[in-house]
């Protein structure tokens, strides 16, 4: 191919990012970093000369940089779509990462909150906004989904919450759910009452339920400077405050553990595919990775095994 020799790695990544502007800002920056590391490892060679051998050298170079194996797998995962795109453009015929073996990673124990820990966390919430944020996390919402929840997303009459994209308007900023997954979640009665209270207390013109008026006003005045990171987390003190709440409750963990707690609990009565739909995961294996071992399952397993062993006692 003539195009092959005319396109090196640095040119390829520039063309890819220019053609795929729908990619989130953080993802684009990370993909660019992946290719910077790749060029450091094998040189700025023509993409037709980049074979599985160069992919292996790149993989090894990431290990030499001190990256953990799970991080190396993530870098490889981000590099592969660029070469798939290059195939679609006619630059190459084969993705050199297609047959590259990734590192096998032992799955770590999934950490979730116990009911007692959740009770303590809720008691330490400084206000209704934070109580609602915690309860929404326990409904399986991500941090960005909680903070970008507007009045139009909550159907109080039908007791459901819509996780949906936001357009750039006079009162809202553009935002997309992760993986662009639009979904519908149940609104429990206690949470519904609390959200209704917050709605009634909102200043005129503010659609965001879980942002304090002062913060919302600041963001609206500086909307031309809102980057992807701020749109995803419009409360700049979110992580710090949640950590403080947990410390007062003598509980360790992060906000994302609320989501894992919720999804694990849902498996007690729903099929895995149904939990996947509520979670907004495009891959069911992602849903599996969020699930902790439930105490009731272990208790029932113990009873069954104990009866089985007793037959030979």
Protein backbone atom coordinates (compact mmCIF):
# COMPACT_ATOMS: atom_id res chain seq x y z
CA UNK A 1 0.00 0.00 0.00
CA UNK A 2 1.31 3.45 -0.87
CA UNK A 3 -0.62 5.07 1.98
CA UNK A 4 1.10 2.70 4.38
CA UNK A 5 4.61 4.06 3.98
CA UNK A 6 3.38 7.65 3.89
CA UNK A 7 1.76 7.44 7.35
CA UNK A 8 3.90 7.10 10.45
CA UNK A 9 2.71 6.71 14.04
CA UNK A 10 2.74 10.42 14.92
CA UNK A 11 0.76 11.28 11.78
CA UNK A 12 -1.69 8.45 12.42
CA UNK A 13 -2.63 9.63 15.91
CA UNK A 14 -3.09 13.22 14.68
CA UNK A 15 -5.41 12.05 11.90
CA UNK A 16 -7.32 9.75 14.26
CA UNK A 17 -7.98 12.43 16.88
CA UNK A 18 -8.94 14.99 14.23
CA UNK A 19 -11.41 12.59 12.61
CA UNK A 20 -12.89 11.38 15.91
CA UNK A 21 -13.77 14.57 17.73
CA UNK A 22 -16.68 12.86 19.47
CA UNK A 23 -14.08 11.25 21.76
CA UNK A 24 -14.08 12.76 25.23
CA UNK A 25 -11.29 15.20 26.03
CA UNK A 26 -9.77 12.98 28.73
CA UNK A 27 -9.84 9.92 26.45
CA UNK A 28 -8.19 11.87 23.62
CA UNK A 29 -5.38 13.05 25.92
CA UNK A 30 -4.83 9.53 27.21
CA UNK A 31 -4.74 8.08 23.68
CA UNK A 32 -2.17 10.71 22.68
CA UNK A 33 -0.05 9.74 25.68
CA UNK A 34 -0.26 6.08 24.68
CA UNK A 35 1.16 6.92 21.26
CA UNK A 36 3.88 9.11 22.77
CA UNK A 37 5.00 6.11 24.81
CA UNK A 38 4.69 3.88 21.73
CA UNK A 39 6.93 6.16 19.66
CA UNK A 40 9.46 6.28 22.49
CA UNK A 41 9.53 2.48 22.47
CA UNK A 42 9.73 1.66 18.74
CA UNK A 43 10.40 4.98 16.99
CA UNK A 44 8.15 7.03 14.74
CA UNK A 45 7.96 4.28 12.16
CA UNK A 46 5.51 3.83 9.31
CA UNK A 47 2.35 2.07 10.46
CA UNK A 48 2.86 -0.60 7.83
CA UNK A 49 6.09 -1.53 9.64
CA UNK A 50 4.32 -1.77 12.99
CA UNK A 51 3.71 -5.50 13.46
CA UNK A 52 2.85 -7.69 16.42
CA UNK A 53 6.58 -7.70 17.22
CA UNK A 54 6.52 -3.90 17.71
CA UNK A 55 3.32 -4.28 19.74
CA UNK A 56 5.15 -6.72 22.03
CA UNK A 57 8.08 -4.30 22.38
CA UNK A 58 5.65 -1.51 23.27
CA UNK A 59 3.97 -3.74 25.86
CA UNK A 60 7.35 -4.62 27.40
CA UNK A 61 8.40 -0.95 27.46
CA UNK A 62 5.33 -0.08 29.52
CA UNK A 63 6.37 -2.66 32.10
CA UNK A 64 9.89 -1.17 32.11
CA UNK A 65 8.32 2.23 32.86
CA UNK A 66 7.02 0.76 36.07
CA UNK A 67 3.36 0.54 35.09
CA UNK A 68 1.28 -2.15 36.76
CA UNK A 69 0.08 -4.95 34.54
CA UNK A 70 -3.52 -3.81 34.78
CA UNK A 71 -2.42 -0.35 33.56
CA UNK A 72 -0.42 -1.91 30.73
CA UNK A 73 -3.55 -3.75 29.60
CA UNK A 74 -5.45 -0.45 29.63
CA UNK A 75 -2.81 1.23 27.44
CA UNK A 76 -2.95 -1.65 24.96
CA UNK A 77 -6.75 -1.44 24.94
CA UNK A 78 -6.57 2.27 24.05
CA UNK A 79 -4.04 1.76 21.26
CA UNK A 80 -5.93 -0.99 19.43
CA UNK A 81 -8.94 1.09 18.18
CA UNK A 82 -6.59 3.53 16.45
CA UNK A 83 -5.22 0.71 14.29
CA UNK A 84 -8.73 -0.62 13.68
CA UNK A 85 -9.59 2.84 12.39
CA UNK A 86 -6.44 2.76 10.22
CA UNK A 87 -7.73 -0.46 8.61
CA UNK A 88 -11.05 1.24 7.82
CA UNK A 89 -9.12 4.11 6.19
CA UNK A 90 -7.14 1.69 4.02
CA UNK A 91 -3.77 2.44 5.63
CA UNK A 92 -3.16 -1.14 6.80
CA UNK A 93 -4.82 -4.52 6.48
CA UNK A 94 -4.20 -6.07 9.91
CA UNK A 95 -4.41 -4.70 13.46
CA UNK A 96 -1.08 -5.61 15.11
CA UNK A 97 -2.75 -5.61 18.53
CA UNK A 98 -5.48 -8.09 17.54
CA UNK A 99 -3.48 -11.17 18.56
CA UNK A 100 -1.35 -9.59 21.27
CA UNK A 101 -1.77 -11.47 24.53
CA UNK A 102 -2.66 -9.24 27.45
CA UNK A 103 -1.49 -9.90 30.97
CA UNK A 104 -3.75 -12.07 33.08
CA UNK A 105 -4.91 -10.15 36.13
CA UNK A 106 -6.13 -11.81 39.32
CA UNK A 107 -9.44 -10.25 40.24
CA UNK A 108 -9.29 -8.38 43.52
CA UNK A 109 -11.96 -8.64 46.19
CA UNK A 110 -14.75 -6.17 45.44
CA UNK A 111 -15.22 -3.76 48.35
CA UNK A 112 -18.77 -2.72 49.24
CA UNK A 113 -20.36 -0.93 52.18
CA UNK A 114 -22.23 -2.88 54.84
CA UNK A 115 -25.73 -1.73 55.90
CA UNK A 116 -24.24 -0.57 59.22
CA UNK A 117 -21.58 1.50 57.43
CA UNK A 118 -24.18 3.10 55.15
CA UNK A 119 -26.28 4.02 58.18
CA UNK A 120 -23.27 5.72 59.79
CA UNK A 121 -22.40 7.56 56.56
CA UNK A 122 -25.95 8.90 56.21
CA UNK A 123 -25.92 10.11 59.82
CA UNK A 124 -22.73 12.09 59.11
CA UNK A 125 -24.07 13.88 56.00
CA UNK A 126 -23.87 17.67 56.52
CA UNK A 127 -27.09 18.50 54.64
CA UNK A 128 -29.96 17.18 52.52
CA UNK A 129 -27.95 17.55 49.32
CA UNK A 130 -25.32 15.13 50.55
CA UNK A 131 -27.92 12.72 51.90
CA UNK A 132 -29.56 12.68 48.46
CA UNK A 133 -26.18 12.19 46.77
CA UNK A 134 -25.47 9.14 48.94
CA UNK A 135 -28.92 7.66 48.30
CA UNK A 136 -28.54 8.20 44.56
CA UNK A 137 -25.18 6.43 44.70
CA UNK A 138 -27.02 3.54 46.35
CA UNK A 139 -29.39 3.57 43.36
CA UNK A 140 -26.29 2.80 41.22
CA UNK A 141 -25.70 6.33 39.84
CA UNK A 142 -22.14 7.39 39.06
CA UNK A 143 -20.75 10.59 40.57
CA UNK A 144 -21.12 12.53 37.31
CA UNK A 145 -24.69 11.28 36.88
CA UNK A 146 -25.61 12.45 40.38
CA UNK A 147 -24.14 15.92 39.92
CA UNK A 148 -25.68 16.39 36.46
CA UNK A 149 -29.17 15.32 37.56
CA UNK A 150 -31.77 17.95 36.70
CA UNK A 151 -35.42 18.44 37.51
CA UNK A 152 -36.41 17.11 34.08
CA UNK A 153 -34.62 13.82 34.82
CA UNK A 154 -36.92 12.95 37.73
CA UNK A 155 -40.44 11.71 37.09
CA UNK A 156 -42.03 11.98 40.53
CA UNK A 157 -45.40 10.71 39.28
CA UNK A 158 -44.02 7.44 37.91
CA UNK A 159 -41.20 7.15 40.48
CA UNK A 160 -38.35 6.85 37.97
CA UNK A 161 -35.06 8.63 37.28
CA UNK A 162 -33.81 9.17 33.73
CA UNK A 163 -30.08 9.20 33.11
CA UNK A 164 -29.87 11.18 29.89
CA UNK A 165 -27.62 13.57 28.00
CA UNK A 166 -27.82 17.34 28.45
CA UNK A 167 -27.70 19.92 25.70
CA UNK A 168 -25.96 23.30 25.88
CA UNK A 169 -28.72 25.76 26.85
CA UNK A 170 -29.05 28.99 28.78
CA UNK A 171 -29.38 26.96 31.99
CA UNK A 172 -27.50 23.71 31.34
CA UNK A 173 -24.12 22.65 29.96
CA UNK A 174 -23.48 19.83 27.52
CA UNK A 175 -22.93 16.47 29.18
CA UNK A 176 -23.07 12.81 28.13
CA UNK A 177 -23.46 9.75 30.38
CA UNK A 178 -20.55 7.31 30.26
CA UNK A 179 -20.58 5.20 27.08
CA UNK A 180 -23.56 7.38 26.03
CA UNK A 181 -25.83 4.91 27.84
CA UNK A 182 -29.28 6.39 28.44
CA UNK A 183 -31.20 4.45 31.10
CA UNK A 184 -34.12 4.48 33.52
CA UNK A 185 -33.78 3.72 37.24
CA UNK A 186 -36.35 3.32 40.02
CA UNK A 187 -36.97 6.21 42.41
CA UNK A 188 -37.54 4.91 45.95
CA UNK A 189 -40.15 6.68 48.06
CA UNK A 190 -37.76 8.11 50.66
CA UNK A 191 -35.38 9.40 48.02
CA UNK A 192 -38.30 10.78 46.00
CA UNK A 193 -39.51 12.79 48.98
CA UNK A 194 -36.03 14.20 49.55
CA UNK A 195 -35.54 15.15 45.88
CA UNK A 196 -38.94 16.81 45.85
CA UNK A 197 -37.92 18.86 48.88
CA UNK A 198 -34.67 19.91 47.17
CA UNK A 199 -36.63 20.80 44.03
CA UNK A 200 -38.96 23.06 45.99
CA UNK A 201 -35.96 24.84 47.55
CA UNK A 202 -34.17 25.49 44.22
CA UNK A 203 -33.66 29.13 43.20
CA UNK A 204 -35.63 30.19 40.14
CA UNK A 205 -33.88 29.09 36.95
CA UNK A 206 -31.63 26.41 38.48
CA UNK A 207 -32.40 22.96 37.03
CA UNK A 208 -29.60 21.00 38.79
CA UNK A 209 -30.96 19.29 41.91
CA UNK A 210 -27.70 18.27 43.56
CA UNK A 211 -25.59 21.41 43.10
CA UNK A 212 -25.55 24.19 45.65
CA UNK A 213 -26.90 27.48 44.22
CA UNK A 214 -23.64 29.35 44.75
CA UNK A 215 -21.67 26.71 42.84
CA UNK A 216 -24.24 26.55 40.04
CA UNK A 217 -24.20 30.35 39.66
CA UNK A 218 -20.39 30.33 39.44
CA UNK A 219 -20.35 27.60 36.77
CA UNK A 220 -23.01 29.36 34.72
CA UNK A 221 -21.04 32.62 34.71
CA UNK A 222 -17.87 30.75 33.65
CA UNK A 223 -19.49 28.26 31.27
CA UNK A 224 -17.09 29.19 28.43
CA UNK A 225 -14.26 27.76 30.53
CA UNK A 226 -15.94 24.49 31.50
CA UNK A 227 -13.72 21.61 30.38
CA UNK A 228 -14.61 17.94 30.21
CA UNK A 229 -13.36 17.27 33.74
CA UNK A 230 -15.57 19.97 35.29
CA UNK A 231 -18.64 18.87 33.31
CA UNK A 232 -18.17 15.36 34.68
CA UNK A 233 -17.72 16.62 38.24
CA UNK A 234 -19.17 20.14 38.59
CA UNK A 235 -18.61 20.09 42.38
CA UNK A 236 -14.87 20.64 42.80
CA UNK A 237 -14.98 19.66 46.49
CA UNK A 238 -16.95 16.45 45.96
CA UNK A 239 -14.25 13.85 46.69
CA UNK A 240 -12.82 15.82 49.61
CA UNK A 241 -16.22 16.21 51.26
CA UNK A 242 -17.18 12.56 50.78
CA UNK A 243 -13.86 11.49 52.31
CA UNK A 244 -14.54 13.79 55.27
CA UNK A 245 -18.01 12.26 55.75
CA UNK A 246 -16.52 8.77 55.74
CA UNK A 247 -13.85 9.77 58.24
CA UNK A 248 -16.47 11.12 60.63
CA UNK A 249 -18.39 7.86 60.19
CA UNK A 250 -15.18 5.80 60.77
CA UNK A 251 -15.70 4.14 57.40
CA UNK A 252 -13.17 3.66 54.61
CA UNK A 253 -14.07 3.83 50.96
CA UNK A 254 -14.91 6.00 47.97
CA UNK A 255 -18.17 7.18 46.40
CA UNK A 256 -17.90 4.56 43.64
CA UNK A 257 -18.29 1.85 46.30
CA UNK A 258 -21.92 2.95 46.69
CA UNK A 259 -22.53 1.92 43.08
CA UNK A 260 -20.86 -1.45 43.63
CA UNK A 261 -22.93 -1.91 46.78
CA UNK A 262 -26.14 -1.19 44.86
CA UNK A 263 -25.35 -3.51 41.94
CA UNK A 264 -24.34 -6.34 44.30
CA UNK A 265 -27.62 -5.94 46.20
CA UNK A 266 -29.62 -5.98 42.95
CA UNK A 267 -28.31 -9.46 42.09
CA UNK A 268 -30.36 -10.87 44.99
CA UNK A 269 -33.54 -10.46 42.96
CA UNK A 270 -32.60 -9.65 39.36
CA UNK A 271 -30.91 -11.57 36.55
CA UNK A 272 -27.37 -10.46 35.73
CA UNK A 273 -28.52 -9.08 32.36
CA UNK A 274 -31.10 -6.92 34.15
CA UNK A 275 -28.46 -5.62 36.54
CA UNK A 276 -26.25 -4.84 33.53
CA UNK A 277 -29.06 -2.80 31.97
CA UNK A 278 -29.60 -0.78 35.16
CA UNK A 279 -25.85 -0.25 35.51
CA UNK A 280 -25.47 1.05 31.95
CA UNK A 281 -22.63 -1.33 31.13
CA UNK A 282 -22.08 -2.25 27.48
CA UNK A 283 -20.23 -5.43 28.51
CA UNK A 284 -21.67 -7.90 31.01
CA UNK A 285 -18.16 -8.76 32.21
CA UNK A 286 -17.87 -5.18 33.47
CA UNK A 287 -20.99 -5.78 35.54
CA UNK A 288 -19.49 -8.98 36.95
CA UNK A 289 -16.37 -7.06 38.01
CA UNK A 290 -18.54 -4.75 40.16
CA UNK A 291 -20.15 -7.54 42.19
CA UNK A 292 -19.02 -8.61 45.63
CA UNK A 293 -19.83 -11.94 47.27
CA UNK A 294 -23.15 -11.58 49.08
CA UNK A 295 -23.29 -12.87 52.69
CA UNK A 296 -26.63 -14.60 52.08
CA UNK A 297 -25.15 -16.60 49.18
CA UNK A 298 -22.21 -17.70 51.33
CA UNK A 299 -24.57 -18.66 54.16
CA UNK A 300 -26.75 -20.77 51.87
CA UNK A 301 -23.65 -22.35 50.28
CA UNK A 302 -22.34 -23.22 53.75
CA UNK A 303 -25.64 -24.89 54.68
CA UNK A 304 -25.66 -26.95 51.47
CA UNK A 305 -22.02 -28.01 51.84
CA UNK A 306 -22.47 -28.80 55.52
CA UNK A 307 -25.38 -31.14 54.72
CA UNK A 308 -23.32 -32.77 51.99
CA UNK A 309 -20.32 -33.34 54.22
CA UNK A 310 -22.59 -34.69 56.98
CA UNK A 311 -23.54 -37.61 54.71
CA UNK A 312 -19.99 -38.88 54.94
CA UNK A 313 -19.52 -38.15 58.66
